[in-house]
Amino acid sequence: MSDQSTDKAADSNADAPVAAPAPNLSELPTGGVPLFAMPPVRAPEGFPPGFEYLASEIHTGPGPALRLMPQGYAFPASAIHPFDPVVLANRAYLTRGYFDEHIVQGFIDRVYGHTLVTYDGLAELSNQVRFCEMEGIEGDYVELGAYKGGCIGIMAMSNLHYGKKPRMIHAFDSFEGLPQPVAQDIDANFNAMFKLTDEQKQGKLETINAVAAGEQYLLELMRKIEYPADKLRIHKGWFQDTVPVAAQEIEKIAVLRLDGDLYESYVVPLAHLYDKVVPGGFIIIDDWIFKGCRDAVTEFFAQRGGMPYLHRVDITVRVIRKPF
C-alpha cells in the first residue's frame, strides 16, 4: 500500500481501523502479505526433561519480533532445497525437529554454494555423524559424489563439534561431472532432467558435463572449516578406477554416503565398500528418485537375501542403518 493510498483511506474515514502496511513485494520472491507472526516460544511448564523442544533459537533470538511470509506459502512436502530464494526468505519458520537444529542450520549456511543436497538430506547427515560420535560408532566418513564438498563439509563440522578428535574423511569424485549413463539409468524422468543425445548414453567413462566441479571448491571449503588436511583423502577419478584401490586402505566406515546419480555409480561402491560399514553405521542413498539408483540398490540387496528397511528422509534420500 503506497503512502498516497494510505492518506486517501485516512481522509475518507478517520475513525476506521488502519490496516497493517503491506510488505514490499519486491523483497518477497513470490510476493505476499502478512500471514502470521511468530511470537517468542517457551517450553511449557513441566515439559519432560531430556526431550528436545522443537522451537529452535532462530525463533527466540535477537531480531524483529514479527516476520512476514508470502501468503499461502508452505515449505515443499517432497523436498526442501535450503538455498532456494523462497526457502531462504522464510528460514525463520523452518523447524523440522532435528536435534540441535539451530546448530545444524549454521552448518548448512556455511556450505552455501557447495551442495545441491536437500535441507533434510543435510540435516539428517549431520545428525548421523553426531550419533556416531556420541555412541562411539567407529570408522571413517566416506562420500562418493563429493561435487563441491558440501556434504563433506557437513560431516567435517559435525565431527569437530560433537567428536573428540577428527576422523578420516574420504571424498570420491571424478571432478569432471557424471559419466555416460547405461541402459538401466534411462527412463522418462532421467531423459527430462539430463536431455542427452543417444551418443551420450553409451555407458562410456566420458563426462556428460553434468554436475561438474573441480576439487578446488572442496579444498577451499575445508580450509575455511579448518579441518586437518591430513584427515582428508580425495580420490579423484571414475569410481570404477578409484574405489577398488581405495577399498584396500579403508578398514572401517561409519557413514557411507552415496551420491553418484547413476546405476554403475551405485553398483561399484556397494560392491567394494558396503562390507566396510561397521554394524550400526549408516548407508545414505541420495538418488532414490533415479531408476538407475533404485535398480542398483535393489539388485545388490536381492543378492544378499533381501532389502533392509529404508528410512525415508525426503523424496530422494533414503538411509539404511547397517544391522548388528
Protein backbone atom coordinates (compact mmCIF):
# COMPACT_ATOMS: atom_id res chain seq x y z
CA MET A 1 0.00 0.00 0.00
CA SER A 2 1.53 3.35 -1.01
CA ASP A 3 1.65 6.43 1.25
CA GLN A 4 -0.73 8.16 -1.15
CA SER A 5 -3.37 5.42 -0.90
CA THR A 6 -3.00 5.32 2.88
CA ASP A 7 -3.61 9.06 3.07
CA LYS A 8 -6.72 8.75 0.92
CA ALA A 9 -8.08 5.98 3.15
CA ALA A 10 -7.46 8.09 6.25
CA ASP A 11 -9.17 11.11 4.71
CA SER A 12 -12.25 9.09 3.77
CA ASN A 13 -12.81 7.67 7.25
CA ALA A 14 -10.61 8.96 10.05
CA ASP A 15 -12.18 6.61 12.63
CA ALA A 16 -11.70 3.41 10.60
CA PRO A 17 -9.08 0.94 11.86
CA VAL A 18 -5.80 1.31 9.99
CA ALA A 19 -4.64 -1.90 8.28
CA ALA A 20 -1.05 -3.01 8.67
CA PRO A 21 1.06 -1.83 5.74
CA ALA A 22 1.66 -4.45 3.08
CA PRO A 23 5.23 -5.69 2.75
CA ASN A 24 7.48 -4.60 -0.07
CA LEU A 25 6.58 -7.25 -2.65
CA SER A 26 9.95 -6.86 -4.38
CA GLU A 27 11.58 -8.29 -1.25
CA LEU A 28 9.48 -11.46 -1.28
CA PRO A 29 10.42 -13.91 -4.04
CA THR A 30 6.79 -14.90 -4.64
CA GLY A 31 5.01 -11.77 -3.42
CA GLY A 32 2.65 -11.87 -0.48
CA VAL A 33 1.06 -10.24 2.54
CA PRO A 34 1.45 -10.74 6.29
CA LEU A 35 0.25 -14.24 7.14
CA PHE A 36 1.08 -14.63 10.82
CA ALA A 37 3.63 -13.54 13.39
CA MET A 38 5.80 -15.99 15.29
CA PRO A 39 5.82 -14.95 18.98
CA PRO A 40 8.65 -15.95 21.29
CA VAL A 41 8.28 -19.63 22.13
CA ARG A 42 8.96 -21.15 25.53
CA ALA A 43 8.74 -24.75 26.66
CA PRO A 44 5.55 -25.41 28.65
CA GLU A 45 5.86 -25.75 32.41
CA GLY A 46 6.60 -29.33 33.36
CA PHE A 47 7.95 -30.21 29.92
CA PRO A 48 9.66 -33.63 30.14
CA PRO A 49 13.39 -33.22 30.88
CA GLY A 50 15.73 -34.53 28.21
CA PHE A 51 13.15 -34.17 25.45
CA GLU A 52 14.30 -31.78 22.76
CA TYR A 53 11.95 -28.84 22.48
CA LEU A 54 11.42 -28.25 18.81
CA ALA A 55 11.28 -24.45 18.90
CA SER A 56 14.85 -23.56 17.98
CA GLU A 57 16.74 -20.42 18.87
CA ILE A 58 16.03 -18.88 15.49
CA HIS A 59 12.51 -18.15 16.75
CA THR A 60 13.51 -16.65 20.06
CA GLY A 61 16.83 -14.95 19.40
CA PRO A 62 17.53 -11.31 18.61
CA GLY A 63 15.81 -9.73 15.63
CA PRO A 64 12.44 -8.32 14.69
CA ALA A 65 9.52 -9.61 16.74
CA LEU A 66 7.32 -10.01 13.64
CA ARG A 67 8.23 -11.69 10.39
CA LEU A 68 6.37 -11.85 7.09
CA MET A 69 5.65 -14.85 4.89
CA PRO A 70 4.22 -14.90 1.38
CA GLN A 71 0.52 -15.50 1.52
CA GLY A 72 -0.30 -19.19 1.37
CA TYR A 73 3.36 -20.24 1.36
CA ALA A 74 4.28 -23.61 2.80
CA PHE A 75 7.57 -25.47 2.64
CA PRO A 76 7.50 -28.17 -0.06
CA ALA A 77 6.41 -31.56 1.20
CA SER A 78 8.61 -33.56 -1.18
CA ALA A 79 11.99 -31.87 -0.83
CA ILE A 80 13.20 -28.58 0.64
CA HIS A 81 16.17 -27.04 -1.13
CA PRO A 82 17.88 -24.92 1.54
CA PHE A 83 19.20 -22.25 -0.81
CA ASP A 84 16.03 -21.74 -2.83
CA PRO A 85 15.27 -17.99 -2.58
CA VAL A 86 11.77 -18.54 -1.19
CA VAL A 87 13.04 -21.01 1.40
CA LEU A 88 15.77 -18.58 2.40
CA ALA A 89 13.23 -15.78 2.77
CA ASN A 90 11.25 -17.93 5.20
CA ARG A 91 14.04 -19.71 7.04
CA ALA A 92 12.88 -18.26 10.37
CA TYR A 93 9.95 -20.68 10.19
CA LEU A 94 11.92 -23.74 9.09
CA THR A 95 11.99 -26.13 12.03
CA ARG A 96 11.87 -29.85 11.27
CA GLY A 97 12.56 -31.33 14.69
CA TYR A 98 16.22 -32.28 14.29
CA PHE A 99 18.48 -32.46 17.31
CA ASP A 100 20.35 -29.13 17.71
CA GLU A 101 18.63 -27.84 14.58
CA HIS A 102 19.85 -24.27 15.07
CA ILE A 103 23.43 -25.59 15.08
CA VAL A 104 22.75 -27.75 12.03
CA GLN A 105 21.34 -24.73 10.21
CA GLY A 106 24.58 -22.91 10.95
CA PHE A 107 26.49 -25.79 9.33
CA ILE A 108 24.18 -25.64 6.32
CA ASP A 109 24.72 -21.90 5.96
CA ARG A 110 28.47 -22.47 5.77
CA VAL A 111 28.17 -24.82 2.77
CA TYR A 112 26.13 -22.35 0.72
CA GLY A 113 27.10 -22.75 -2.93
CA HIS A 114 28.83 -26.08 -2.31
CA THR A 115 25.92 -28.53 -2.47
CA LEU A 116 22.74 -29.49 -4.32
CA VAL A 117 21.51 -31.72 -1.49
CA THR A 118 18.16 -31.08 0.18
CA TYR A 119 17.72 -29.49 3.61
CA ASP A 120 16.62 -32.76 5.18
CA GLY A 121 19.43 -34.62 3.44
CA LEU A 122 21.98 -32.26 5.00
CA ALA A 123 20.35 -32.13 8.43
CA GLU A 124 19.98 -35.90 8.59
CA LEU A 125 23.64 -36.32 7.60
CA SER A 126 24.74 -34.04 10.43
CA ASN A 127 22.57 -35.94 12.89
CA GLN A 128 24.03 -39.26 11.74
CA VAL A 129 27.57 -38.02 12.31
CA ARG A 130 26.53 -36.69 15.72
CA PHE A 131 25.05 -40.08 16.56
CA CYS A 132 28.24 -41.88 15.53
CA GLU A 133 30.32 -39.54 17.68
CA MET A 134 28.04 -39.72 20.70
CA GLU A 135 27.60 -43.51 20.51
CA GLY A 136 31.18 -44.38 19.67
CA ILE A 137 30.47 -45.94 16.27
CA GLU A 138 33.90 -46.43 14.74
CA GLY A 139 35.02 -45.77 11.20
CA ASP A 140 35.75 -43.18 8.55
CA TYR A 141 33.27 -40.85 6.89
CA VAL A 142 33.02 -41.54 3.15
CA GLU A 143 31.18 -39.83 0.30
CA LEU A 144 31.00 -40.87 -3.33
CA GLY A 145 29.94 -37.93 -5.46
CA ALA A 146 31.51 -35.12 -3.45
CA TYR A 147 30.85 -32.36 -6.04
CA LYS A 148 31.90 -29.05 -4.40
CA GLY A 149 32.24 -30.56 -0.95
CA GLY A 150 29.03 -29.50 0.79
CA CYS A 151 28.30 -32.86 2.41
CA ILE A 152 31.98 -33.41 3.16
CA GLY A 153 31.86 -30.06 4.96
CA ILE A 154 28.74 -31.03 6.91
CA MET A 155 30.44 -34.23 8.07
CA ALA A 156 33.61 -32.34 8.98
CA MET A 157 31.82 -29.65 11.00
CA SER A 158 29.62 -32.19 12.77
CA ASN A 159 32.68 -34.30 13.59
CA LEU A 160 34.55 -31.30 15.01
CA HIS A 161 31.54 -30.13 17.01
CA TYR A 162 30.44 -33.44 18.51
CA GLY A 163 33.52 -35.65 18.33
CA LYS A 164 36.60 -35.95 20.48
CA LYS A 165 39.02 -35.95 17.54
CA PRO A 166 38.93 -35.52 13.77
CA ARG A 167 38.22 -38.66 11.77
CA MET A 168 39.45 -39.57 8.33
CA ILE A 169 37.10 -38.31 5.62
CA HIS A 170 37.20 -39.73 2.08
CA ALA A 171 35.86 -37.74 -0.87
CA PHE A 172 35.37 -39.56 -4.18
CA ASP A 173 34.56 -37.73 -7.40
CA SER A 174 35.70 -37.51 -10.99
CA PHE A 175 35.63 -33.72 -10.62
CA GLU A 176 34.72 -33.74 -14.31
CA GLY A 177 30.99 -34.39 -13.95
CA LEU A 178 28.93 -37.53 -14.45
CA PRO A 179 29.99 -40.23 -16.90
CA GLN A 180 27.67 -41.53 -19.58
CA PRO A 181 24.67 -43.49 -18.28
CA VAL A 182 23.92 -47.13 -19.06
CA ALA A 183 20.61 -48.66 -20.13
CA GLN A 184 19.46 -49.18 -16.53
CA ASP A 185 19.54 -45.43 -15.94
CA ILE A 186 17.26 -44.40 -18.74
CA ASP A 187 13.62 -43.56 -18.15
CA ALA A 188 11.38 -40.56 -18.79
CA ASN A 189 12.47 -38.82 -15.58
CA PHE A 190 16.16 -39.20 -16.43
CA ASN A 191 15.66 -38.05 -20.02
CA ALA A 192 13.72 -35.00 -18.91
CA MET A 193 16.40 -33.98 -16.43
CA PHE A 194 19.57 -34.57 -18.45
CA LYS A 195 18.40 -34.25 -22.08
CA LEU A 196 21.24 -36.34 -23.52
CA THR A 197 21.78 -37.44 -27.09
CA ASP A 198 21.90 -41.13 -27.99
CA GLU A 199 25.67 -40.80 -28.37
CA GLN A 200 25.89 -39.71 -24.71
CA LYS A 201 24.04 -42.80 -23.45
CA GLN A 202 26.61 -45.46 -24.33
CA GLY A 203 27.96 -46.07 -20.82
CA LYS A 204 31.41 -44.72 -21.64
CA LEU A 205 33.61 -43.28 -18.91
CA GLU A 206 33.42 -39.88 -20.56
CA THR A 207 31.89 -36.83 -18.96
CA ILE A 208 28.47 -35.61 -19.99
CA ASN A 209 29.37 -32.25 -18.36
CA ALA A 210 26.66 -32.50 -15.73
CA VAL A 211 27.24 -31.80 -12.02
CA ALA A 212 30.86 -30.90 -12.75
CA ALA A 213 33.15 -29.01 -10.38
CA GLY A 214 36.87 -29.03 -9.72
CA GLU A 215 38.30 -30.21 -6.41
CA GLN A 216 39.42 -26.67 -5.55
CA TYR A 217 35.90 -25.89 -4.29
CA LEU A 218 36.04 -28.77 -1.81
CA LEU A 219 39.56 -27.83 -0.68
CA GLU A 220 38.60 -24.19 -0.22
CA LEU A 221 35.62 -25.14 1.94
CA MET A 222 37.65 -27.49 4.12
CA ARG A 223 40.27 -24.79 4.65
CA LYS A 224 37.57 -22.41 5.83
CA ILE A 225 36.23 -25.07 8.18
CA GLU A 226 39.82 -25.62 9.38
CA TYR A 227 39.59 -29.37 9.15
CA PRO A 228 43.01 -31.03 9.44
CA ALA A 229 44.42 -31.52 5.96
CA ASP A 230 45.89 -34.91 6.90
CA LYS A 231 42.39 -36.16 7.72
CA LEU A 232 41.01 -35.60 4.22
CA ARG A 233 41.63 -38.03 1.36
CA ILE A 234 40.49 -37.02 -2.10
CA HIS A 235 40.08 -39.90 -4.56
CA LYS A 236 39.93 -38.25 -7.98
CA GLY A 237 38.73 -40.23 -10.97
CA TRP A 238 35.94 -42.52 -12.10
CA PHE A 239 34.60 -44.78 -9.34
CA GLN A 240 35.43 -47.86 -11.42
CA ASP A 241 39.11 -46.88 -11.13
CA THR A 242 39.37 -45.32 -7.68
CA VAL A 243 37.01 -47.32 -5.46
CA PRO A 244 38.62 -50.78 -5.78
CA VAL A 245 42.02 -49.28 -4.95
CA ALA A 246 40.78 -47.16 -2.01
CA ALA A 247 38.86 -50.13 -0.59
CA GLN A 248 42.20 -51.73 0.15
CA GLU A 249 43.15 -48.92 2.55
CA ILE A 250 39.81 -48.18 4.20
CA GLU A 251 39.28 -50.51 7.15
CA LYS A 252 36.04 -49.30 8.73
CA ILE A 253 33.30 -46.91 7.63
CA ALA A 254 30.86 -45.23 10.00
CA VAL A 255 28.92 -43.27 7.35
CA LEU A 256 28.90 -44.22 3.67
CA ARG A 257 27.17 -41.55 1.62
CA LEU A 258 26.35 -42.49 -1.98
CA ASP A 259 25.52 -39.65 -4.36
CA GLY A 260 26.64 -40.81 -7.79
CA ASP A 261 23.25 -40.48 -9.52
CA LEU A 262 23.84 -43.38 -11.93
CA TYR A 263 23.43 -47.16 -11.87
CA GLU A 264 27.13 -48.01 -12.12
CA SER A 265 27.96 -45.30 -9.60
CA TYR A 266 25.97 -47.31 -7.05
CA VAL A 267 26.96 -50.81 -8.19
CA VAL A 268 30.69 -50.16 -7.75
CA PRO A 269 30.75 -48.63 -4.24
CA LEU A 270 28.19 -51.05 -2.86
CA ALA A 271 30.25 -53.99 -4.10
CA HIS A 272 33.52 -52.69 -2.64
CA LEU A 273 32.55 -50.60 0.39
CA TYR A 274 29.30 -51.89 1.90
CA ASP A 275 31.10 -54.60 3.84
CA LYS A 276 33.41 -51.93 5.29
CA VAL A 277 30.48 -50.23 7.03
CA VAL A 278 30.51 -51.24 10.68
CA PRO A 279 27.40 -52.64 12.38
CA GLY A 280 25.31 -49.68 13.46
CA GLY A 281 26.84 -47.48 10.77
CA PHE A 282 24.85 -45.65 8.10
CA ILE A 283 24.49 -46.02 4.33
CA ILE A 284 22.94 -42.96 2.72
CA ILE A 285 21.35 -43.23 -0.71
CA ASP A 286 20.87 -39.77 -2.17
CA ASP A 287 19.37 -40.56 -5.57
CA TRP A 288 16.32 -42.74 -4.95
CA ILE A 289 14.44 -40.55 -7.40
CA PHE A 290 16.53 -42.08 -10.23
CA LYS A 291 15.74 -45.51 -11.70
CA GLY A 292 19.40 -46.47 -12.01
CA CYS A 293 19.98 -45.87 -8.31
CA ARG A 294 16.88 -47.85 -7.29
CA ASP A 295 17.78 -50.76 -9.58
CA ALA A 296 21.38 -50.93 -8.34
CA VAL A 297 20.41 -50.87 -4.66
CA THR A 298 17.56 -53.36 -5.10
CA GLU A 299 19.72 -55.80 -7.07
CA PHE A 300 22.58 -55.58 -4.57
CA PHE A 301 20.45 -56.49 -1.60
CA ALA A 302 18.48 -59.12 -3.53
CA GLN A 303 21.79 -60.94 -3.98
CA ARG A 304 22.26 -60.76 -0.21
CA GLY A 305 18.94 -62.18 0.82
CA GLY A 306 16.62 -59.18 0.80
CA MET A 307 16.27 -55.44 1.13
CA PRO A 308 16.81 -53.90 4.57
CA TYR A 309 14.42 -51.26 5.83
CA LEU A 310 14.90 -47.95 4.02
CA HIS A 311 14.31 -44.89 6.15
CA ARG A 312 12.71 -42.17 4.01
CA VAL A 313 14.26 -38.74 4.56
CA ASP A 314 12.51 -36.98 1.67
CA ILE A 315 11.56 -37.71 -1.92
CA THR A 316 15.11 -38.55 -2.96
CA VAL A 317 17.13 -39.50 0.16
CA ARG A 318 16.99 -42.92 1.83
CA VAL A 319 19.03 -44.22 4.77
CA ILE A 320 19.95 -47.75 5.87
CA ARG A 321 21.40 -48.49 9.28
CA LYS A 322 23.76 -51.46 8.98
CA PRO A 323 22.34 -54.34 11.02
CA PHE A 324 24.27 -55.56 14.04
